[in-house]
Amino acid sequence: MNARAALFDLYGDHLRTRGGRASVAALVRLLAPLEVAAPAVRTAISRMVRQGWLDPVRLPQGPGYGLTPKCARRLDQTAARIYRGATVTWPGRWHLLVLEPIRDRPRRERLRADLSFLGYAPLSETTWIGPRPSPELDALGVTADRFEAVLDGDPRDLVARAWDLEGIGRAYEEWLAGAMTLVASLPDDAPDDRVFATRSRLVHTWRNFLFRDPGLPPALLPPGWPGEKARTYFEQEAARLHPRAAAFVDRNLGH
């Protein structure tokens, strides 16, 4: 796990509900069980500040960093998709974006990654579709005409064109096998730092599905969709391991 991803996970999964700030020393201690070295933590922090995700703050424990409003919005949106809870209802209307052409390739690739993260898929270079509007579009500064539309035809045909459900399904099966092996390797008497590391890796690998799975409604998914079995396991184990992982976080934030 790289330092930047580990920091996003740490702020989103633990620090967001604890004021959204931590000292640099605490961040280094918290990422040590994930084998992220102190210089890598500091480099990642600097990069996140330049990108507008973190702001420097002065804390009683020393210099630290807190969430920017932009980062807080992204983490809240991410948490709502990671810990989805009840099945999201779908009114049968698609959200369409018709973008202005972007000639700058790096900017175009960044936008593609951001839109994929928000659950959209391209129908063409400038037309993207999602099962629901994302509240993060405005924060991205996306210039696009936006429509809500009902498809004249079978929506499952559209889904098959826009998303690789077969590939996503295989990825869920592979994730579940790996996650079960990871959790099974954790002894019952494991120290809290190891529980924290195991849960963090579980959350991190699950979070990667946000870039692939748009969260389609069940009516548009194949029967026996592997994502549901994987989600049940993730939610069960993330909840079971949370108290001891949280104890490790609290102990290290207080130094």
C-alpha atoms as a PDB file:
ATOM      1  CA  MET A   1       0.000   0.000   0.000  1.00  0.00           C
ATOM      2  CA  ASN A   2       1.495   3.362  -0.942  1.00  0.00           C
ATOM      3  CA  ALA A   3       1.647   6.193   1.576  1.00  0.00           C
ATOM      4  CA  ARG A   4      -0.877   8.478  -0.144  1.00  0.00           C
ATOM      5  CA  ALA A   5      -3.521   5.746  -0.385  1.00  0.00           C
ATOM      6  CA  ALA A   6      -2.852   4.730   3.221  1.00  0.00           C
ATOM      7  CA  LEU A   7      -3.372   8.323   4.373  1.00  0.00           C
ATOM      8  CA  PHE A   8      -6.657   8.656   2.489  1.00  0.00           C
ATOM      9  CA  ASP A   9      -7.851   5.406   4.063  1.00  0.00           C
ATOM     10  CA  LEU A  10      -6.724   6.475   7.541  1.00  0.00           C
ATOM     11  CA  TYR A  11      -8.427   9.866   7.366  1.00  0.00           C
ATOM     12  CA  GLY A  12     -11.573   8.406   5.833  1.00  0.00           C
ATOM     13  CA  ASP A  13     -11.936   5.349   8.032  1.00  0.00           C
ATOM     14  CA  HIS A  14     -10.815   6.732  11.398  1.00  0.00           C
ATOM     15  CA  LEU A  15      -9.830  10.408  11.534  1.00  0.00           C
ATOM     16  CA  ARG A  16     -12.911  11.849   9.798  1.00  0.00           C
ATOM     17  CA  THR A  17     -14.985  11.013  12.897  1.00  0.00           C
ATOM     18  CA  ARG A  18     -12.240  12.255  15.260  1.00  0.00           C
ATOM     19  CA  GLY A  19     -12.075  15.859  14.092  1.00  0.00           C
ATOM     20  CA  GLY A  20     -10.334  15.143  10.779  1.00  0.00           C
ATOM     21  CA  ARG A  21      -6.860  16.140  12.005  1.00  0.00           C
ATOM     22  CA  ALA A  22      -3.750  14.507  13.442  1.00  0.00           C
ATOM     23  CA  SER A  23      -0.165  15.404  14.232  1.00  0.00           C
ATOM     24  CA  VAL A  24       2.576  14.343  11.843  1.00  0.00           C
ATOM     25  CA  ALA A  25       4.065  12.170  14.577  1.00  0.00           C
ATOM     26  CA  ALA A  26       0.726  10.388  15.061  1.00  0.00           C
ATOM     27  CA  LEU A  27       0.337   9.817  11.321  1.00  0.00           C
ATOM     28  CA  VAL A  28       3.790   8.242  11.196  1.00  0.00           C
ATOM     29  CA  ARG A  29       2.965   5.966  14.150  1.00  0.00           C
ATOM     30  CA  LEU A  30      -0.389   4.966  12.678  1.00  0.00           C
ATOM     31  CA  LEU A  31       1.029   3.978   9.308  1.00  0.00           C
ATOM     32  CA  ALA A  32       3.998   2.076  10.728  1.00  0.00           C
ATOM     33  CA  PRO A  33       2.042  -1.221  11.019  1.00  0.00           C
ATOM     34  CA  LEU A  34       1.374  -0.939   7.271  1.00  0.00           C
ATOM     35  CA  GLU A  35       5.146  -0.746   6.676  1.00  0.00           C
ATOM     36  CA  VAL A  36       4.924   2.830   5.411  1.00  0.00           C
ATOM     37  CA  ALA A  37       8.160   4.589   6.379  1.00  0.00           C
ATOM     38  CA  ALA A  38       8.216   8.054   7.938  1.00  0.00           C
ATOM     39  CA  PRO A  39       9.851   9.787   4.926  1.00  0.00           C
ATOM     40  CA  ALA A  40       7.155   8.333   2.640  1.00  0.00           C
ATOM     41  CA  VAL A  41       4.432   9.615   4.993  1.00  0.00           C
ATOM     42  CA  ARG A  42       5.880  13.137   4.941  1.00  0.00           C
ATOM     43  CA  THR A  43       6.275  13.123   1.170  1.00  0.00           C
ATOM     44  CA  ALA A  44       2.675  11.966   0.713  1.00  0.00           C
ATOM     45  CA  ILE A  45       1.428  14.652   3.101  1.00  0.00           C
ATOM     46  CA  SER A  46       3.225  17.353   1.097  1.00  0.00           C
ATOM     47  CA  ARG A  47       1.698  16.053  -2.104  1.00  0.00           C
ATOM     48  CA  MET A  48      -1.804  15.999  -0.591  1.00  0.00           C
ATOM     49  CA  VAL A  49      -1.377  19.587   0.603  1.00  0.00           C
ATOM     50  CA  ARG A  50      -0.386  20.706  -2.915  1.00  0.00           C
ATOM     51  CA  GLN A  51      -3.431  18.908  -4.323  1.00  0.00           C
ATOM     52  CA  GLY A  52      -5.813  20.569  -1.879  1.00  0.00           C
ATOM     53  CA  TRP A  53      -6.670  17.535   0.249  1.00  0.00           C
ATOM     54  CA  LEU A  54      -4.948  18.543   3.518  1.00  0.00           C
ATOM     55  CA  ASP A  55      -4.164  21.817   5.311  1.00  0.00           C
ATOM     56  CA  PRO A  56      -1.456  22.337   7.956  1.00  0.00           C
ATOM     57  CA  VAL A  57      -2.740  22.842  11.505  1.00  0.00           C
ATOM     58  CA  ARG A  58      -1.146  23.425  14.901  1.00  0.00           C
ATOM     59  CA  LEU A  59      -2.179  20.821  17.489  1.00  0.00           C
ATOM     60  CA  PRO A  60      -1.291  20.377  21.173  1.00  0.00           C
ATOM     61  CA  GLN A  61       0.778  17.356  20.142  1.00  0.00           C
ATOM     62  CA  GLY A  62       2.704  19.399  17.547  1.00  0.00           C
ATOM     63  CA  PRO A  63       2.459  20.235  13.833  1.00  0.00           C
ATOM     64  CA  GLY A  64      -0.276  18.348  12.035  1.00  0.00           C
ATOM     65  CA  TYR A  65      -2.659  18.248   9.112  1.00  0.00           C
ATOM     66  CA  GLY A  66      -6.421  18.463   8.804  1.00  0.00           C
ATOM     67  CA  LEU A  67      -8.944  17.785   6.078  1.00  0.00           C
ATOM     68  CA  THR A  68      -9.880  20.482   3.610  1.00  0.00           C
ATOM     69  CA  PRO A  69     -13.597  20.848   2.758  1.00  0.00           C
ATOM     70  CA  LYS A  70     -12.843  19.249  -0.610  1.00  0.00           C
ATOM     71  CA  CYS A  71     -11.310  16.202   1.077  1.00  0.00           C
ATOM     72  CA  ALA A  72     -14.122  15.935   3.632  1.00  0.00           C
ATOM     73  CA  ARG A  73     -16.691  15.835   0.808  1.00  0.00           C
ATOM     74  CA  ARG A  74     -14.737  13.147  -1.034  1.00  0.00           C
ATOM     75  CA  LEU A  75     -14.333  11.013   2.099  1.00  0.00           C
ATOM     76  CA  ASP A  76     -18.025  11.307   2.979  1.00  0.00           C
ATOM     77  CA  GLN A  77     -18.997  10.274  -0.544  1.00  0.00           C
ATOM     78  CA  THR A  78     -16.535   7.384  -0.395  1.00  0.00           C
ATOM     79  CA  ALA A  79     -17.798   6.200   2.988  1.00  0.00           C
ATOM     80  CA  ALA A  80     -21.390   6.234   1.735  1.00  0.00           C
ATOM     81  CA  ARG A  81     -20.384   3.833  -1.045  1.00  0.00           C
ATOM     82  CA  ILE A  82     -18.022   1.650   1.006  1.00  0.00           C
ATOM     83  CA  TYR A  83     -20.507   1.175   3.859  1.00  0.00           C
ATOM     84  CA  ARG A  84     -23.599   1.285   1.718  1.00  0.00           C
ATOM     85  CA  GLY A  85     -26.011  -0.299   4.198  1.00  0.00           C
ATOM     86  CA  ALA A  86     -29.487  -0.553   2.691  1.00  0.00           C
ATOM     87  CA  THR A  87     -29.928  -1.250  -1.016  1.00  0.00           C
ATOM     88  CA  VAL A  88     -30.117   1.968  -3.010  1.00  0.00           C
ATOM     89  CA  THR A  89     -33.381   2.374  -4.894  1.00  0.00           C
ATOM     90  CA  TRP A  90     -33.258   3.300  -8.569  1.00  0.00           C
ATOM     91  CA  PRO A  91     -36.062   5.212 -10.339  1.00  0.00           C
ATOM     92  CA  GLY A  92     -35.099   3.890 -13.785  1.00  0.00           C
ATOM     93  CA  ARG A  93     -33.565   7.181 -14.937  1.00  0.00           C
ATOM     94  CA  TRP A  94     -29.965   7.556 -16.092  1.00  0.00           C
ATOM     95  CA  HIS A  95     -27.749  10.572 -15.505  1.00  0.00           C
ATOM     96  CA  LEU A  96     -25.988  11.717 -18.693  1.00  0.00           C
ATOM     97  CA  LEU A  97     -23.029  14.052 -19.015  1.00  0.00           C
ATOM     98  CA  VAL A  98     -22.036  15.603 -22.346  1.00  0.00           C
ATOM     99  CA  LEU A  99     -18.570  17.054 -21.814  1.00  0.00           C
ATOM    100  CA  GLU A 100     -16.719  19.725 -23.685  1.00  0.00           C
ATOM    101  CA  PRO A 101     -13.759  18.210 -25.570  1.00  0.00           C
ATOM    102  CA  ILE A 102     -10.526  18.336 -23.552  1.00  0.00           C
ATOM    103  CA  ARG A 103      -7.362  18.532 -25.629  1.00  0.00           C
ATOM    104  CA  ASP A 104      -4.890  18.325 -22.739  1.00  0.00           C
ATOM    105  CA  ARG A 105      -4.232  14.603 -22.291  1.00  0.00           C
ATOM    106  CA  PRO A 106      -3.193  14.579 -18.585  1.00  0.00           C
ATOM    107  CA  ARG A 107      -6.266  16.640 -17.677  1.00  0.00           C
ATOM    108  CA  ARG A 108      -8.462  14.352 -19.775  1.00  0.00           C
ATOM    109  CA  GLU A 109      -7.074  11.251 -18.047  1.00  0.00           C
ATOM    110  CA  ARG A 110      -7.591  12.781 -14.593  1.00  0.00           C
ATOM    111  CA  LEU A 111     -11.197  13.549 -15.459  1.00  0.00           C
ATOM    112  CA  ARG A 112     -11.738   9.998 -16.738  1.00  0.00           C
ATOM    113  CA  ALA A 113     -10.419   8.602 -13.460  1.00  0.00           C
ATOM    114  CA  ASP A 114     -12.580  10.983 -11.394  1.00  0.00           C
ATOM    115  CA  LEU A 115     -15.748  10.203 -13.346  1.00  0.00           C
ATOM    116  CA  SER A 116     -15.105   6.452 -13.110  1.00  0.00           C
ATOM    117  CA  PHE A 117     -14.684   6.845  -9.347  1.00  0.00           C
ATOM    118  CA  LEU A 118     -18.064   8.599  -9.171  1.00  0.00           C
ATOM    119  CA  GLY A 119     -19.771   5.703 -10.953  1.00  0.00           C
ATOM    120  CA  TYR A 120     -19.908   6.986 -14.540  1.00  0.00           C
ATOM    121  CA  ALA A 121     -18.891   5.107 -17.699  1.00  0.00           C
ATOM    122  CA  PRO A 122     -18.168   6.501 -21.188  1.00  0.00           C
ATOM    123  CA  LEU A 123     -20.549   5.885 -24.075  1.00  0.00           C
ATOM    124  CA  SER A 124     -18.232   7.982 -26.264  1.00  0.00           C
ATOM    125  CA  GLU A 125     -15.273  10.295 -25.696  1.00  0.00           C
ATOM    126  CA  THR A 126     -17.520  13.111 -24.466  1.00  0.00           C
ATOM    127  CA  THR A 127     -20.702  11.339 -23.303  1.00  0.00           C
ATOM    128  CA  TRP A 128     -20.777   9.596 -19.925  1.00  0.00           C
ATOM    129  CA  ILE A 129     -23.585   7.794 -18.137  1.00  0.00           C
ATOM    130  CA  GLY A 130     -24.264   6.869 -14.530  1.00  0.00           C
ATOM    131  CA  PRO A 131     -27.118   5.251 -12.597  1.00  0.00           C
ATOM    132  CA  ARG A 132     -27.574   8.399 -10.486  1.00  0.00           C
ATOM    133  CA  PRO A 133     -26.258  11.983 -10.253  1.00  0.00           C
ATOM    134  CA  SER A 134     -23.155  12.427  -8.126  1.00  0.00           C
ATOM    135  CA  PRO A 135     -23.060  15.358  -5.683  1.00  0.00           C
ATOM    136  CA  GLU A 136     -19.289  15.562  -6.284  1.00  0.00           C
ATOM    137  CA  LEU A 137     -19.575  16.724  -9.892  1.00  0.00           C
ATOM    138  CA  ASP A 138     -19.647  20.387  -8.924  1.00  0.00           C
ATOM    139  CA  ALA A 139     -16.577  19.966  -6.717  1.00  0.00           C
ATOM    140  CA  LEU A 140     -14.705  18.519  -9.700  1.00  0.00           C
ATOM    141  CA  GLY A 141     -15.448  21.603 -11.750  1.00  0.00           C
ATOM    142  CA  VAL A 142     -16.863  19.480 -14.576  1.00  0.00           C
ATOM    143  CA  THR A 143     -18.074  21.517 -17.545  1.00  0.00           C
ATOM    144  CA  ALA A 144     -20.878  19.474 -19.081  1.00  0.00           C
ATOM    145  CA  ASP A 145     -24.482  19.494 -20.146  1.00  0.00           C
ATOM    146  CA  ARG A 146     -26.394  17.259 -17.761  1.00  0.00           C
ATOM    147  CA  PHE A 147     -29.528  15.250 -18.465  1.00  0.00           C
ATOM    148  CA  GLU A 148     -31.728  12.707 -16.773  1.00  0.00           C
ATOM    149  CA  ALA A 149     -33.181  10.222 -19.225  1.00  0.00           C
ATOM    150  CA  VAL A 150     -35.149   7.004 -19.507  1.00  0.00           C
ATOM    151  CA  LEU A 151     -33.719   4.510 -21.968  1.00  0.00           C
ATOM    152  CA  ASP A 152     -35.939   3.369 -24.830  1.00  0.00           C
ATOM    153  CA  GLY A 153     -34.935  -0.285 -24.711  1.00  0.00           C
ATOM    154  CA  ASP A 154     -33.509  -2.900 -22.346  1.00  0.00           C
ATOM    155  CA  PRO A 155     -31.227  -1.152 -19.821  1.00  0.00           C
ATOM    156  CA  ARG A 156     -29.232  -4.371 -19.374  1.00  0.00           C
ATOM    157  CA  ASP A 157     -27.999  -4.030 -22.955  1.00  0.00           C
ATOM    158  CA  LEU A 158     -26.776  -0.536 -22.143  1.00  0.00           C
ATOM    159  CA  VAL A 159     -25.070  -1.774 -18.985  1.00  0.00           C
ATOM    160  CA  ALA A 160     -23.277  -4.496 -20.953  1.00  0.00           C
ATOM    161  CA  ARG A 161     -21.902  -1.858 -23.344  1.00  0.00           C
ATOM    162  CA  ALA A 162     -20.830   0.595 -20.648  1.00  0.00           C
ATOM    163  CA  TRP A 163     -19.396  -1.681 -17.941  1.00  0.00           C
ATOM    164  CA  ASP A 164     -17.465  -4.950 -17.953  1.00  0.00           C
ATOM    165  CA  LEU A 165     -19.689  -6.771 -15.471  1.00  0.00           C
ATOM    166  CA  GLU A 166     -18.038 -10.113 -16.165  1.00  0.00           C
ATOM    167  CA  GLY A 167     -14.628  -8.689 -15.302  1.00  0.00           C
ATOM    168  CA  ILE A 168     -15.970  -6.901 -12.215  1.00  0.00           C
ATOM    169  CA  GLY A 169     -17.640 -10.104 -11.052  1.00  0.00           C
ATOM    170  CA  ARG A 170     -14.375 -12.063 -11.386  1.00  0.00           C
ATOM    171  CA  ALA A 171     -12.576  -9.330  -9.446  1.00  0.00           C
ATOM    172  CA  TYR A 172     -15.085  -9.679  -6.600  1.00  0.00           C
ATOM    173  CA  GLU A 173     -14.540 -13.443  -6.479  1.00  0.00           C
ATOM    174  CA  GLU A 174     -10.770 -12.976  -6.396  1.00  0.00           C
ATOM    175  CA  TRP A 175     -11.085 -10.290  -3.729  1.00  0.00           C
ATOM    176  CA  LEU A 176     -13.223 -12.530  -1.525  1.00  0.00           C
ATOM    177  CA  ALA A 177     -10.760 -15.420  -1.731  1.00  0.00           C
ATOM    178  CA  GLY A 178      -7.862 -13.119  -0.847  1.00  0.00           C
ATOM    179  CA  ALA A 179      -9.774 -11.367   1.945  1.00  0.00           C
ATOM    180  CA  MET A 180     -10.728 -14.653   3.578  1.00  0.00           C
ATOM    181  CA  THR A 181      -7.078 -15.747   3.508  1.00  0.00           C
ATOM    182  CA  LEU A 182      -5.977 -12.399   4.974  1.00  0.00           C
ATOM    183  CA  VAL A 183      -8.471 -12.510   7.841  1.00  0.00           C
ATOM    184  CA  ALA A 184      -7.830 -16.208   8.548  1.00  0.00           C
ATOM    185  CA  SER A 185      -4.125 -15.419   9.025  1.00  0.00           C
ATOM    186  CA  LEU A 186      -4.958 -13.110  11.967  1.00  0.00           C
ATOM    187  CA  PRO A 187      -4.659 -14.966  15.297  1.00  0.00           C
ATOM    188  CA  ASP A 188      -7.369 -14.426  17.905  1.00  0.00           C
ATOM    189  CA  ASP A 189      -4.778 -12.986  20.281  1.00  0.00           C
ATOM    190  CA  ALA A 190      -3.147 -10.699  17.705  1.00  0.00           C
ATOM    191  CA  PRO A 191      -2.037  -7.291  19.087  1.00  0.00           C
ATOM    192  CA  ASP A 192      -4.099  -4.249  18.187  1.00  0.00           C
ATOM    193  CA  ASP A 193      -1.539  -2.905  15.729  1.00  0.00           C
ATOM    194  CA  ARG A 194      -1.778  -6.096  13.680  1.00  0.00           C
ATOM    195  CA  VAL A 195      -5.589  -6.003  13.808  1.00  0.00           C
ATOM    196  CA  PHE A 196      -5.434  -2.392  12.596  1.00  0.00           C
ATOM    197  CA  ALA A 197      -3.101  -3.365   9.741  1.00  0.00           C
ATOM    198  CA  THR A 198      -5.284  -6.297   8.667  1.00  0.00           C
ATOM    199  CA  ARG A 199      -8.462  -4.227   8.717  1.00  0.00           C
ATOM    200  CA  SER A 200      -6.741  -1.384   6.868  1.00  0.00           C
ATOM    201  CA  ARG A 201      -5.664  -3.745   4.087  1.00  0.00           C
ATOM    202  CA  LEU A 202      -9.192  -5.157   3.941  1.00  0.00           C
ATOM    203  CA  VAL A 203     -10.689  -1.669   3.592  1.00  0.00           C
ATOM    204  CA  HIS A 204      -8.057  -0.549   1.102  1.00  0.00           C
ATOM    205  CA  THR A 205      -8.570  -3.460  -1.285  1.00  0.00           C
ATOM    206  CA  TRP A 206     -12.348  -3.065  -1.013  1.00  0.00           C
ATOM    207  CA  ARG A 207     -12.072   0.664  -1.693  1.00  0.00           C
ATOM    208  CA  ASN A 208     -10.454  -0.139  -5.045  1.00  0.00           C
ATOM    209  CA  PHE A 209     -13.846  -1.358  -6.288  1.00  0.00           C
ATOM    210  CA  LEU A 210     -15.074   2.241  -6.189  1.00  0.00           C
ATOM    211  CA  PHE A 211     -13.045   2.792  -9.365  1.00  0.00           C
ATOM    212  CA  ARG A 212     -14.646  -0.203 -11.098  1.00  0.00           C
ATOM    213  CA  ASP A 213     -18.130  -0.868  -9.740  1.00  0.00           C
ATOM    214  CA  PRO A 214     -20.649   1.970 -10.288  1.00  0.00           C
ATOM    215  CA  GLY A 215     -23.106   0.563  -7.752  1.00  0.00           C
ATOM    216  CA  LEU A 216     -25.747  -0.487 -10.234  1.00  0.00           C
ATOM    217  CA  PRO A 217     -29.216  -1.365  -8.896  1.00  0.00           C
ATOM    218  CA  PRO A 218     -29.856  -5.094  -8.335  1.00  0.00           C
ATOM    219  CA  ALA A 219     -32.370  -5.196 -11.201  1.00  0.00           C
ATOM    220  CA  LEU A 220     -29.538  -4.515 -13.667  1.00  0.00           C
ATOM    221  CA  LEU A 221     -27.107  -7.085 -12.254  1.00  0.00           C
ATOM    222  CA  PRO A 222     -26.785 -10.754 -13.270  1.00  0.00           C
ATOM    223  CA  PRO A 223     -28.376 -13.371 -10.979  1.00  0.00           C
ATOM    224  CA  GLY A 224     -26.052 -14.459  -8.179  1.00  0.00           C
ATOM    225  CA  TRP A 225     -23.945 -11.305  -8.484  1.00  0.00           C
ATOM    226  CA  PRO A 226     -20.603 -12.032  -6.690  1.00  0.00           C
ATOM    227  CA  GLY A 227     -20.431  -8.478  -5.391  1.00  0.00           C
ATOM    228  CA  GLU A 228     -23.179  -9.114  -2.855  1.00  0.00           C
ATOM    229  CA  LYS A 229     -21.429 -12.087  -1.254  1.00  0.00           C
ATOM    230  CA  ALA A 230     -18.187 -10.104  -1.176  1.00  0.00           C
ATOM    231  CA  ARG A 231     -19.943  -7.090   0.357  1.00  0.00           C
ATOM    232  CA  THR A 232     -21.545  -9.208   3.073  1.00  0.00           C
ATOM    233  CA  TYR A 233     -18.148 -10.607   4.044  1.00  0.00           C
ATOM    234  CA  PHE A 234     -16.471  -7.194   3.968  1.00  0.00           C
ATOM    235  CA  GLU A 235     -19.110  -5.534   6.139  1.00  0.00           C
ATOM    236  CA  GLN A 236     -19.072  -8.409   8.635  1.00  0.00           C
ATOM    237  CA  GLU A 237     -15.289  -8.477   9.054  1.00  0.00           C
ATOM    238  CA  ALA A 238     -14.777  -4.704   8.927  1.00  0.00           C
ATOM    239  CA  ALA A 239     -17.299  -4.331  11.771  1.00  0.00           C
ATOM    240  CA  ARG A 240     -15.822  -7.211  13.784  1.00  0.00           C
ATOM    241  CA  LEU A 241     -12.271  -5.843  13.608  1.00  0.00           C
ATOM    242  CA  HIS A 242     -13.213  -2.196  14.061  1.00  0.00           C
ATOM    243  CA  PRO A 243     -13.188  -1.903  17.895  1.00  0.00           C
ATOM    244  CA  ARG A 244      -9.602  -3.123  18.266  1.00  0.00           C
ATOM    245  CA  ALA A 245      -8.406  -1.143  15.250  1.00  0.00           C
ATOM    246  CA  ALA A 246     -10.071   1.963  16.702  1.00  0.00           C
ATOM    247  CA  ALA A 247      -8.380   1.341  20.067  1.00  0.00           C
ATOM    248  CA  PHE A 248      -5.000   1.368  18.317  1.00  0.00           C
ATOM    249  CA  VAL A 249      -5.864   4.660  16.580  1.00  0.00           C
ATOM    250  CA  ASP A 250      -7.056   6.315  19.801  1.00  0.00           C
ATOM    251  CA  ARG A 251      -3.965   5.236  21.710  1.00  0.00           C
ATOM    252  CA  ASN A 252      -1.614   6.702  19.096  1.00  0.00           C
ATOM    253  CA  LEU A 253      -3.545   9.935  18.549  1.00  0.00           C
ATOM    254  CA  GLY A 254      -3.289  10.791  22.244  1.00  0.00           C
ATOM    255  CA  HIS A 255       0.532  10.862  22.418  1.00  0.00           C
END
